[in-house]
Amino acid sequence: MAGNIKIIEPTSKFVKVSRGIIRDNSVDVLTLGLYVKILVLGKDWELNIAGLGNIFNISEKKVRASINKLEALGYIRRVACRDASNKVLKGWDYYVYFE
């Protein structure tokens, strides 16, 4: 399943990364790298756990663990996408926050 990335950011040719996540000692280097890569890939890229695993040459399990950590710490919010009947899960939208 794939979802859309919705990045809450000003328009710029640079990517801003919050000092908060960089200084957050509970965020390991892999999770930080994954967060930055998601920001760089941007809104037009369809977020895909397997795709991120391929980019980083790591297992989907590690990607999921990092996504879960980012979600638990409030850097990412994941929202279920459902069909018109609201019964069938179609994927996830990810909201990525800067601050």
PDB file of N, CA and C in Angstrom:
ATOM      1  N   MET A   1       0.837  -1.181   0.000  1.00  0.00           N
ATOM      2  CA  MET A   1       0.000   0.000   0.000  1.00  0.00           C
ATOM      3  C   MET A   1       0.879   1.240   0.000  1.00  0.00           C
ATOM      4  N   ALA A   2       0.444   2.245  -0.657  1.00  0.00           N
ATOM      5  CA  ALA A   2       1.201   3.486  -0.726  1.00  0.00           C
ATOM      6  C   ALA A   2       0.303   4.632  -0.324  1.00  0.00           C
ATOM      7  N   GLY A   3       0.917   5.665   0.162  1.00  0.00           N
ATOM      8  CA  GLY A   3       0.165   6.845   0.561  1.00  0.00           C
ATOM      9  C   GLY A   3       0.813   8.086   0.003  1.00  0.00           C
ATOM     10  N   ASN A   4       0.204   9.195   0.243  1.00  0.00           N
ATOM     11  CA  ASN A   4       0.726  10.470  -0.219  1.00  0.00           C
ATOM     12  C   ASN A   4       1.498  11.138   0.896  1.00  0.00           C
ATOM     13  N   ILE A   5       2.483  11.928   0.525  1.00  0.00           N
ATOM     14  CA  ILE A   5       3.230  12.711   1.501  1.00  0.00           C
ATOM     15  C   ILE A   5       2.661  14.114   1.480  1.00  0.00           C
ATOM     16  N   LYS A   6       2.350  14.641   2.640  1.00  0.00           N
ATOM     17  CA  LYS A   6       1.875  16.012   2.755  1.00  0.00           C
ATOM     18  C   LYS A   6       2.853  16.726   3.692  1.00  0.00           C
ATOM     19  N   ILE A   7       3.736  17.512   3.116  1.00  0.00           N
ATOM     20  CA  ILE A   7       4.762  18.181   3.893  1.00  0.00           C
ATOM     21  C   ILE A   7       4.288  19.586   4.216  1.00  0.00           C
ATOM     22  N   ILE A   8       4.338  19.929   5.487  1.00  0.00           N
ATOM     23  CA  ILE A   8       3.924  21.239   5.946  1.00  0.00           C
ATOM     24  C   ILE A   8       5.168  22.138   5.904  1.00  0.00           C
ATOM     25  N   GLU A   9       5.326  22.902   4.825  1.00  0.00           N
ATOM     26  CA  GLU A   9       6.550  23.657   4.633  1.00  0.00           C
ATOM     27  C   GLU A   9       6.314  24.900   3.788  1.00  0.00           C
ATOM     28  N   PRO A  10       7.189  25.892   3.935  1.00  0.00           N
ATOM     29  CA  PRO A  10       7.158  27.009   3.011  1.00  0.00           C
ATOM     30  C   PRO A  10       7.801  26.568   1.693  1.00  0.00           C
ATOM     31  N   THR A  11       7.438  27.229   0.601  1.00  0.00           N
ATOM     32  CA  THR A  11       8.017  26.897  -0.690  1.00  0.00           C
ATOM     33  C   THR A  11       9.417  27.491  -0.787  1.00  0.00           C
ATOM     34  N   SER A  12      10.401  26.660  -1.113  1.00  0.00           N
ATOM     35  CA  SER A  12      11.787  27.092  -1.212  1.00  0.00           C
ATOM     36  C   SER A  12      12.579  26.024  -1.939  1.00  0.00           C
ATOM     37  N   LYS A  13      13.737  26.404  -2.487  1.00  0.00           N
ATOM     38  CA  LYS A  13      14.591  25.415  -3.124  1.00  0.00           C
ATOM     39  C   LYS A  13      15.452  24.677  -2.105  1.00  0.00           C
ATOM     40  N   PHE A  14      15.381  25.079  -0.867  1.00  0.00           N
ATOM     41  CA  PHE A  14      16.117  24.422   0.204  1.00  0.00           C
ATOM     42  C   PHE A  14      15.157  23.640   1.080  1.00  0.00           C
ATOM     43  N   VAL A  15      15.672  22.653   1.742  1.00  0.00           N
ATOM     44  CA  VAL A  15      14.875  21.887   2.691  1.00  0.00           C
ATOM     45  C   VAL A  15      15.284  22.334   4.086  1.00  0.00           C
ATOM     46  N   LYS A  16      14.303  22.710   4.865  1.00  0.00           N
ATOM     47  CA  LYS A  16      14.568  23.099   6.243  1.00  0.00           C
ATOM     48  C   LYS A  16      14.377  21.890   7.141  1.00  0.00           C
ATOM     49  N   VAL A  17      15.299  21.710   8.050  1.00  0.00           N
ATOM     50  CA  VAL A  17      15.192  20.637   9.028  1.00  0.00           C
ATOM     51  C   VAL A  17      15.233  21.284  10.405  1.00  0.00           C
ATOM     52  N   SER A  18      14.241  20.972  11.201  1.00  0.00           N
ATOM     53  CA  SER A  18      14.145  21.546  12.536  1.00  0.00           C
ATOM     54  C   SER A  18      15.343  21.153  13.401  1.00  0.00           C
ATOM     55  N   ARG A  19      15.871  22.118  14.105  1.00  0.00           N
ATOM     56  CA  ARG A  19      16.940  21.812  15.064  1.00  0.00           C
ATOM     57  C   ARG A  19      16.440  20.853  16.134  1.00  0.00           C
ATOM     58  N   GLY A  20      15.139  20.904  16.376  1.00  0.00           N
ATOM     59  CA  GLY A  20      14.564  20.033  17.400  1.00  0.00           C
ATOM     60  C   GLY A  20      14.813  18.568  17.128  1.00  0.00           C
ATOM     61  N   ILE A  21      14.576  18.124  15.894  1.00  0.00           N
ATOM     62  CA  ILE A  21      14.790  16.717  15.575  1.00  0.00           C
ATOM     63  C   ILE A  21      16.279  16.382  15.529  1.00  0.00           C
ATOM     64  N   ILE A  22      17.104  17.340  15.111  1.00  0.00           N
ATOM     65  CA  ILE A  22      18.546  17.097  15.066  1.00  0.00           C
ATOM     66  C   ILE A  22      19.107  16.955  16.474  1.00  0.00           C
ATOM     67  N   ARG A  23      18.595  17.744  17.401  1.00  0.00           N
ATOM     68  CA  ARG A  23      19.086  17.695  18.787  1.00  0.00           C
ATOM     69  C   ARG A  23      18.392  16.636  19.637  1.00  0.00           C
ATOM     70  N   ASP A  24      17.349  16.034  19.110  1.00  0.00           N
ATOM     71  CA  ASP A  24      16.586  15.037  19.856  1.00  0.00           C
ATOM     72  C   ASP A  24      17.395  13.749  19.967  1.00  0.00           C
ATOM     73  N   ASN A  25      17.916  13.471  21.147  1.00  0.00           N
ATOM     74  CA  ASN A  25      18.768  12.298  21.360  1.00  0.00           C
ATOM     75  C   ASN A  25      18.023  10.978  21.233  1.00  0.00           C
ATOM     76  N   SER A  26      16.708  11.010  21.219  1.00  0.00           N
ATOM     77  CA  SER A  26      15.951   9.775  21.049  1.00  0.00           C
ATOM     78  C   SER A  26      15.796   9.397  19.573  1.00  0.00           C
ATOM     79  N   VAL A  27      16.250  10.280  18.682  1.00  0.00           N
ATOM     80  CA  VAL A  27      16.194  10.015  17.241  1.00  0.00           C
ATOM     81  C   VAL A  27      17.565   9.528  16.793  1.00  0.00           C
ATOM     82  N   ASP A  28      17.638   8.262  16.373  1.00  0.00           N
ATOM     83  CA  ASP A  28      18.907   7.708  15.904  1.00  0.00           C
ATOM     84  C   ASP A  28      19.217   8.229  14.510  1.00  0.00           C
ATOM     85  N   VAL A  29      20.432   7.997  14.063  1.00  0.00           N
ATOM     86  CA  VAL A  29      20.891   8.541  12.786  1.00  0.00           C
ATOM     87  C   VAL A  29      20.097   7.982  11.605  1.00  0.00           C
ATOM     88  N   LEU A  30      19.700   6.728  11.647  1.00  0.00           N
ATOM     89  CA  LEU A  30      18.908   6.154  10.561  1.00  0.00           C
ATOM     90  C   LEU A  30      17.548   6.841  10.470  1.00  0.00           C
ATOM     91  N   THR A  31      16.906   7.042  11.597  1.00  0.00           N
ATOM     92  CA  THR A  31      15.598   7.691  11.629  1.00  0.00           C
ATOM     93  C   THR A  31      15.701   9.139  11.149  1.00  0.00           C
ATOM     94  N   LEU A  32      16.750   9.837  11.568  1.00  0.00           N
ATOM     95  CA  LEU A  32      16.970  11.211  11.114  1.00  0.00           C
ATOM     96  C   LEU A  32      17.200  11.233   9.599  1.00  0.00           C
ATOM     97  N   GLY A  33      18.007  10.321   9.099  1.00  0.00           N
ATOM     98  CA  GLY A  33      18.269  10.247   7.665  1.00  0.00           C
ATOM     99  C   GLY A  33      17.014   9.952   6.876  1.00  0.00           C
ATOM    100  N   LEU A  34      16.181   9.073   7.399  1.00  0.00           N
ATOM    101  CA  LEU A  34      14.920   8.731   6.746  1.00  0.00           C
ATOM    102  C   LEU A  34      14.006   9.959   6.698  1.00  0.00           C
ATOM    103  N   TYR A  35      13.936  10.692   7.796  1.00  0.00           N
ATOM    104  CA  TYR A  35      13.125  11.915   7.880  1.00  0.00           C
ATOM    105  C   TYR A  35      13.597  12.935   6.833  1.00  0.00           C
ATOM    106  N   VAL A  36      14.898  13.159   6.764  1.00  0.00           N
ATOM    107  CA  VAL A  36      15.443  14.121   5.812  1.00  0.00           C
ATOM    108  C   VAL A  36      15.188  13.652   4.381  1.00  0.00           C
ATOM    109  N   LYS A  37      15.355  12.379   4.105  1.00  0.00           N
ATOM    110  CA  LYS A  37      15.123  11.842   2.761  1.00  0.00           C
ATOM    111  C   LYS A  37      13.668  12.045   2.348  1.00  0.00           C
ATOM    112  N   ILE A  38      12.738  11.817   3.271  1.00  0.00           N
ATOM    113  CA  ILE A  38      11.318  12.040   2.977  1.00  0.00           C
ATOM    114  C   ILE A  38      11.078  13.508   2.627  1.00  0.00           C
ATOM    115  N   LEU A  39      11.706  14.420   3.364  1.00  0.00           N
ATOM    116  CA  LEU A  39      11.560  15.844   3.072  1.00  0.00           C
ATOM    117  C   LEU A  39      12.113  16.174   1.695  1.00  0.00           C
ATOM    118  N   VAL A  40      13.259  15.605   1.347  1.00  0.00           N
ATOM    119  CA  VAL A  40      13.891  15.888   0.066  1.00  0.00           C
ATOM    120  C   VAL A  40      13.072  15.299  -1.087  1.00  0.00           C
ATOM    121  N   LEU A  41      12.527  14.111  -0.903  1.00  0.00           N
ATOM    122  CA  LEU A  41      11.723  13.483  -1.956  1.00  0.00           C
ATOM    123  C   LEU A  41      10.467  14.299  -2.236  1.00  0.00           C
ATOM    124  N   GLY A  42       9.922  14.913  -1.204  1.00  0.00           N
ATOM    125  CA  GLY A  42       8.845  15.876  -1.369  1.00  0.00           C
ATOM    126  C   GLY A  42       7.468  15.311  -1.657  1.00  0.00           C
ATOM    127  N   LYS A  43       6.581  16.241  -1.938  1.00  0.00           N
ATOM    128  CA  LYS A  43       5.157  15.958  -2.082  1.00  0.00           C
ATOM    129  C   LYS A  43       4.833  15.083  -3.283  1.00  0.00           C
ATOM    130  N   ASP A  44       5.641  15.152  -4.318  1.00  0.00           N
ATOM    131  CA  ASP A  44       5.324  14.434  -5.545  1.00  0.00           C
ATOM    132  C   ASP A  44       5.728  12.966  -5.497  1.00  0.00           C
ATOM    133  N   TRP A  45       6.456  12.587  -4.464  1.00  0.00           N
ATOM    134  CA  TRP A  45       6.894  11.206  -4.341  1.00  0.00           C
ATOM    135  C   TRP A  45       5.855  10.426  -3.555  1.00  0.00           C
ATOM    136  N   GLU A  46       5.499   9.246  -4.020  1.00  0.00           N
ATOM    137  CA  GLU A  46       4.520   8.414  -3.321  1.00  0.00           C
ATOM    138  C   GLU A  46       5.246   7.595  -2.258  1.00  0.00           C
ATOM    139  N   LEU A  47       4.984   7.897  -1.007  1.00  0.00           N
ATOM    140  CA  LEU A  47       5.668   7.229   0.096  1.00  0.00           C
ATOM    141  C   LEU A  47       5.387   5.747   0.066  1.00  0.00           C
ATOM    142  N   ASN A  48       6.444   4.981   0.152  1.00  0.00           N
ATOM    143  CA  ASN A  48       6.355   3.547   0.034  1.00  0.00           C
ATOM    144  C   ASN A  48       7.449   2.945   0.908  1.00  0.00           C
ATOM    145  N   ILE A  49       7.072   2.105   1.854  1.00  0.00           N
ATOM    146  CA  ILE A  49       8.036   1.519   2.789  1.00  0.00           C
ATOM    147  C   ILE A  49       9.101   0.734   2.030  1.00  0.00           C
ATOM    148  N   ALA A  50       8.687  -0.063   1.061  1.00  0.00           N
ATOM    149  CA  ALA A  50       9.646  -0.852   0.279  1.00  0.00           C
ATOM    150  C   ALA A  50      10.593   0.063  -0.494  1.00  0.00           C
ATOM    151  N   GLY A  51      10.051   1.157  -1.049  1.00  0.00           N
ATOM    152  CA  GLY A  51      10.882   2.108  -1.787  1.00  0.00           C
ATOM    153  C   GLY A  51      11.936   2.757  -0.910  1.00  0.00           C
ATOM    154  N   LEU A  52      11.552   3.148   0.296  1.00  0.00           N
ATOM    155  CA  LEU A  52      12.528   3.720   1.227  1.00  0.00           C
ATOM    156  C   LEU A  52      13.575   2.680   1.611  1.00  0.00           C
ATOM    157  N   GLY A  53      13.139   1.445   1.782  1.00  0.00           N
ATOM    158  CA  GLY A  53      14.085   0.366   2.078  1.00  0.00           C
ATOM    159  C   GLY A  53      15.110   0.214   0.970  1.00  0.00           C
ATOM    160  N   ASN A  54      14.647   0.312  -0.268  1.00  0.00           N
ATOM    161  CA  ASN A  54      15.561   0.214  -1.408  1.00  0.00           C
ATOM    162  C   ASN A  54      16.516   1.401  -1.472  1.00  0.00           C
ATOM    163  N   ILE A  55      16.012   2.593  -1.209  1.00  0.00           N
ATOM    164  CA  ILE A  55      16.857   3.790  -1.235  1.00  0.00           C
ATOM    165  C   ILE A  55      17.982   3.670  -0.209  1.00  0.00           C
ATOM    166  N   PHE A  56      17.635   3.193   0.987  1.00  0.00           N
ATOM    167  CA  PHE A  56      18.611   3.092   2.074  1.00  0.00           C
ATOM    168  C   PHE A  56      19.314   1.739   2.116  1.00  0.00           C
ATOM    169  N   ASN A  57      18.864   0.810   1.271  1.00  0.00           N
ATOM    170  CA  ASN A  57      19.406  -0.547   1.260  1.00  0.00           C
ATOM    171  C   ASN A  57      19.279  -1.205   2.648  1.00  0.00           C
ATOM    172  N   ILE A  58      18.079  -1.060   3.223  1.00  0.00           N
ATOM    173  CA  ILE A  58      17.780  -1.664   4.523  1.00  0.00           C
ATOM    174  C   ILE A  58      16.440  -2.390   4.430  1.00  0.00           C
ATOM    175  N   SER A  59      16.131  -3.159   5.450  1.00  0.00           N
ATOM    176  CA  SER A  59      14.885  -3.932   5.454  1.00  0.00           C
ATOM    177  C   SER A  59      13.670  -3.034   5.689  1.00  0.00           C
ATOM    178  N   GLU A  60      12.526  -3.514   5.219  1.00  0.00           N
ATOM    179  CA  GLU A  60      11.273  -2.799   5.464  1.00  0.00           C
ATOM    180  C   GLU A  60      11.000  -2.708   6.964  1.00  0.00           C
ATOM    181  N   LYS A  61      11.429  -3.706   7.709  1.00  0.00           N
ATOM    182  CA  LYS A  61      11.232  -3.705   9.160  1.00  0.00           C
ATOM    183  C   LYS A  61      11.929  -2.497   9.800  1.00  0.00           C
ATOM    184  N   LYS A  62      13.144  -2.199   9.354  1.00  0.00           N
ATOM    185  CA  LYS A  62      13.875  -1.045   9.896  1.00  0.00           C
ATOM    186  C   LYS A  62      13.204   0.266   9.479  1.00  0.00           C
ATOM    187  N   VAL A  63      12.725   0.322   8.242  1.00  0.00           N
ATOM    188  CA  VAL A  63      12.028   1.525   7.777  1.00  0.00           C
ATOM    189  C   VAL A  63      10.778   1.746   8.615  1.00  0.00           C
ATOM    190  N   ARG A  64       9.994   0.682   8.817  1.00  0.00           N
ATOM    191  CA  ARG A  64       8.775   0.800   9.634  1.00  0.00           C
ATOM    192  C   ARG A  64       9.095   1.243  11.056  1.00  0.00           C
ATOM    193  N   ALA A  65      10.166   0.708  11.623  1.00  0.00           N
ATOM    194  CA  ALA A  65      10.551   1.092  12.984  1.00  0.00           C
ATOM    195  C   ALA A  65      10.874   2.582  13.045  1.00  0.00           C
ATOM    196  N   SER A  66      11.579   3.095  12.039  1.00  0.00           N
ATOM    197  CA  SER A  66      11.909   4.519  12.013  1.00  0.00           C
ATOM    198  C   SER A  66      10.669   5.375  11.803  1.00  0.00           C
ATOM    199  N   ILE A  67       9.788   4.961  10.905  1.00  0.00           N
ATOM    200  CA  ILE A  67       8.532   5.689  10.683  1.00  0.00           C
ATOM    201  C   ILE A  67       7.715   5.703  11.971  1.00  0.00           C
ATOM    202  N   ASN A  68       7.630   4.565  12.640  1.00  0.00           N
ATOM    203  CA  ASN A  68       6.885   4.485  13.906  1.00  0.00           C
ATOM    204  C   ASN A  68       7.486   5.405  14.958  1.00  0.00           C
ATOM    205  N   LYS A  69       8.818   5.475  15.016  1.00  0.00           N
ATOM    206  CA  LYS A  69       9.474   6.356  15.984  1.00  0.00           C
ATOM    207  C   LYS A  69       9.160   7.818  15.665  1.00  0.00           C
ATOM    208  N   LEU A  70       9.262   8.179  14.389  1.00  0.00           N
ATOM    209  CA  LEU A  70       8.936   9.554  13.993  1.00  0.00           C
ATOM    210  C   LEU A  70       7.489   9.894  14.320  1.00  0.00           C
ATOM    211  N   GLU A  71       6.613   8.934  14.131  1.00  0.00           N
ATOM    212  CA  GLU A  71       5.194   9.153  14.450  1.00  0.00           C
ATOM    213  C   GLU A  71       4.994   9.312  15.957  1.00  0.00           C
ATOM    214  N   ALA A  72       5.635   8.459  16.738  1.00  0.00           N
ATOM    215  CA  ALA A  72       5.499   8.519  18.193  1.00  0.00           C
ATOM    216  C   ALA A  72       6.031   9.840  18.758  1.00  0.00           C
ATOM    217  N   LEU A  73       7.069  10.371  18.125  1.00  0.00           N
ATOM    218  CA  LEU A  73       7.668  11.621  18.596  1.00  0.00           C
ATOM    219  C   LEU A  73       6.995  12.866  18.017  1.00  0.00           C
ATOM    220  N   GLY A  74       6.038  12.672  17.112  1.00  0.00           N
ATOM    221  CA  GLY A  74       5.274  13.793  16.580  1.00  0.00           C
ATOM    222  C   GLY A  74       5.868  14.473  15.355  1.00  0.00           C
ATOM    223  N   TYR A  75       6.881  13.881  14.734  1.00  0.00           N
ATOM    224  CA  TYR A  75       7.470  14.467  13.538  1.00  0.00           C
ATOM    225  C   TYR A  75       6.699  14.077  12.278  1.00  0.00           C
ATOM    226  N   ILE A  76       5.955  13.001  12.368  1.00  0.00           N
ATOM    227  CA  ILE A  76       5.125  12.515  11.269  1.00  0.00           C
ATOM    228  C   ILE A  76       3.770  12.125  11.845  1.00  0.00           C
ATOM    229  N   ARG A  77       2.723  12.392  11.084  1.00  0.00           N
ATOM    230  CA  ARG A  77       1.392  11.911  11.460  1.00  0.00           C
ATOM    231  C   ARG A  77       0.888  11.070  10.303  1.00  0.00           C
ATOM    232  N   ARG A  78       0.410   9.879  10.615  1.00  0.00           N
ATOM    233  CA  ARG A  78      -0.082   8.957   9.603  1.00  0.00           C
ATOM    234  C   ARG A  78      -1.597   8.883   9.715  1.00  0.00           C
ATOM    235  N   VAL A  79      -2.283   9.058   8.570  1.00  0.00           N
ATOM    236  CA  VAL A  79      -3.741   9.057   8.542  1.00  0.00           C
ATOM    237  C   VAL A  79      -4.193   8.020   7.518  1.00  0.00           C
ATOM    238  N   ALA A  80      -5.119   7.174   7.936  1.00  0.00           N
ATOM    239  CA  ALA A  80      -5.622   6.122   7.052  1.00  0.00           C
ATOM    240  C   ALA A  80      -6.436   6.706   5.905  1.00  0.00           C
ATOM    241  N   CYS A  81      -6.216   6.179   4.712  1.00  0.00           N
ATOM    242  CA  CYS A  81      -7.019   6.532   3.528  1.00  0.00           C
ATOM    243  C   CYS A  81      -7.973   5.372   3.280  1.00  0.00           C
ATOM    244  N   ARG A  82      -9.246   5.671   3.243  1.00  0.00           N
ATOM    245  CA  ARG A  82     -10.244   4.627   3.056  1.00  0.00           C
ATOM    246  C   ARG A  82     -11.054   4.881   1.795  1.00  0.00           C
ATOM    247  N   ASP A  83     -11.740   3.854   1.333  1.00  0.00           N
ATOM    248  CA  ASP A  83     -12.589   3.990   0.155  1.00  0.00           C
ATOM    249  C   ASP A  83     -13.829   4.815   0.500  1.00  0.00           C
ATOM    250  N   ALA A  84     -14.689   5.035  -0.479  1.00  0.00           N
ATOM    251  CA  ALA A  84     -15.878   5.874  -0.299  1.00  0.00           C
ATOM    252  C   ALA A  84     -16.792   5.356   0.804  1.00  0.00           C
ATOM    253  N   SER A  85     -16.808   4.042   1.006  1.00  0.00           N
ATOM    254  CA  SER A  85     -17.660   3.478   2.056  1.00  0.00           C
ATOM    255  C   SER A  85     -17.007   3.593   3.435  1.00  0.00           C
ATOM    256  N   ASN A  86     -15.763   4.048   3.460  1.00  0.00           N
ATOM    257  CA  ASN A  86     -14.994   4.207   4.691  1.00  0.00           C
ATOM    258  C   ASN A  86     -14.710   2.879   5.389  1.00  0.00           C
ATOM    259  N   LYS A  87     -14.768   1.784   4.642  1.00  0.00           N
ATOM    260  CA  LYS A  87     -14.542   0.467   5.231  1.00  0.00           C
ATOM    261  C   LYS A  87     -13.237  -0.181   4.791  1.00  0.00           C
ATOM    262  N   VAL A  88     -12.809   0.090   3.574  1.00  0.00           N
ATOM    263  CA  VAL A  88     -11.624  -0.571   3.037  1.00  0.00           C
ATOM    264  C   VAL A  88     -10.428   0.378   3.100  1.00  0.00           C
ATOM    265  N   LEU A  89      -9.357  -0.073   3.756  1.00  0.00           N
ATOM    266  CA  LEU A  89      -8.135   0.708   3.854  1.00  0.00           C
ATOM    267  C   LEU A  89      -7.421   0.699   2.508  1.00  0.00           C
ATOM    268  N   LYS A  90      -7.182   1.889   1.945  1.00  0.00           N
ATOM    269  CA  LYS A  90      -6.515   1.993   0.644  1.00  0.00           C
ATOM    270  C   LYS A  90      -5.032   2.322   0.789  1.00  0.00           C
ATOM    271  N   GLY A  91      -4.636   2.819   1.925  1.00  0.00           N
ATOM    272  CA  GLY A  91      -3.252   3.220   2.150  1.00  0.00           C
ATOM    273  C   GLY A  91      -3.184   4.253   3.258  1.00  0.00           C
ATOM    274  N   TRP A  92      -2.089   4.995   3.292  1.00  0.00           N
ATOM    275  CA  TRP A  92      -1.861   5.986   4.347  1.00  0.00           C
ATOM    276  C   TRP A  92      -1.396   7.298   3.744  1.00  0.00           C
ATOM    277  N   ASP A  93      -1.832   8.396   4.320  1.00  0.00           N
ATOM    278  CA  ASP A  93      -1.262   9.704   4.038  1.00  0.00           C
ATOM    279  C   ASP A  93      -0.333  10.026   5.198  1.00  0.00           C
ATOM    280  N   TYR A  94       0.795  10.607   4.869  1.00  0.00           N
ATOM    281  CA  TYR A  94       1.782  10.973   5.891  1.00  0.00           C
ATOM    282  C   TYR A  94       1.926  12.489   5.914  1.00  0.00           C
ATOM    283  N   TYR A  95       1.754  13.077   7.058  1.00  0.00           N
ATOM    284  CA  TYR A  95       1.957  14.506   7.253  1.00  0.00           C
ATOM    285  C   TYR A  95       3.299  14.664   7.960  1.00  0.00           C
ATOM    286  N   VAL A  96       4.215  15.372   7.328  1.00  0.00           N
ATOM    287  CA  VAL A  96       5.565  15.533   7.845  1.00  0.00           C
ATOM    288  C   VAL A  96       5.695  16.957   8.350  1.00  0.00           C
ATOM    289  N   TYR A  97       6.054  17.111   9.619  1.00  0.00           N
ATOM    290  CA  TYR A  97       6.137  18.420  10.254  1.00  0.00           C
ATOM    291  C   TYR A  97       7.579  18.871  10.408  1.00  0.00           C
ATOM    292  N   PHE A  98       7.770  20.197  10.298  1.00  0.00           N
ATOM    293  CA  PHE A  98       9.092  20.776  10.417  1.00  0.00           C
ATOM    294  C   PHE A  98       9.435  21.184  11.835  1.00  0.00           C
ATOM    295  N   GLU A  99       8.429  21.595  12.609  1.00  0.00           N
ATOM    296  CA  GLU A  99       8.730  22.136  13.933  1.00  0.00           C
ATOM    297  C   GLU A  99       7.927  21.461  15.001  1.00  0.00           C
TER     298      GLU A  99
END
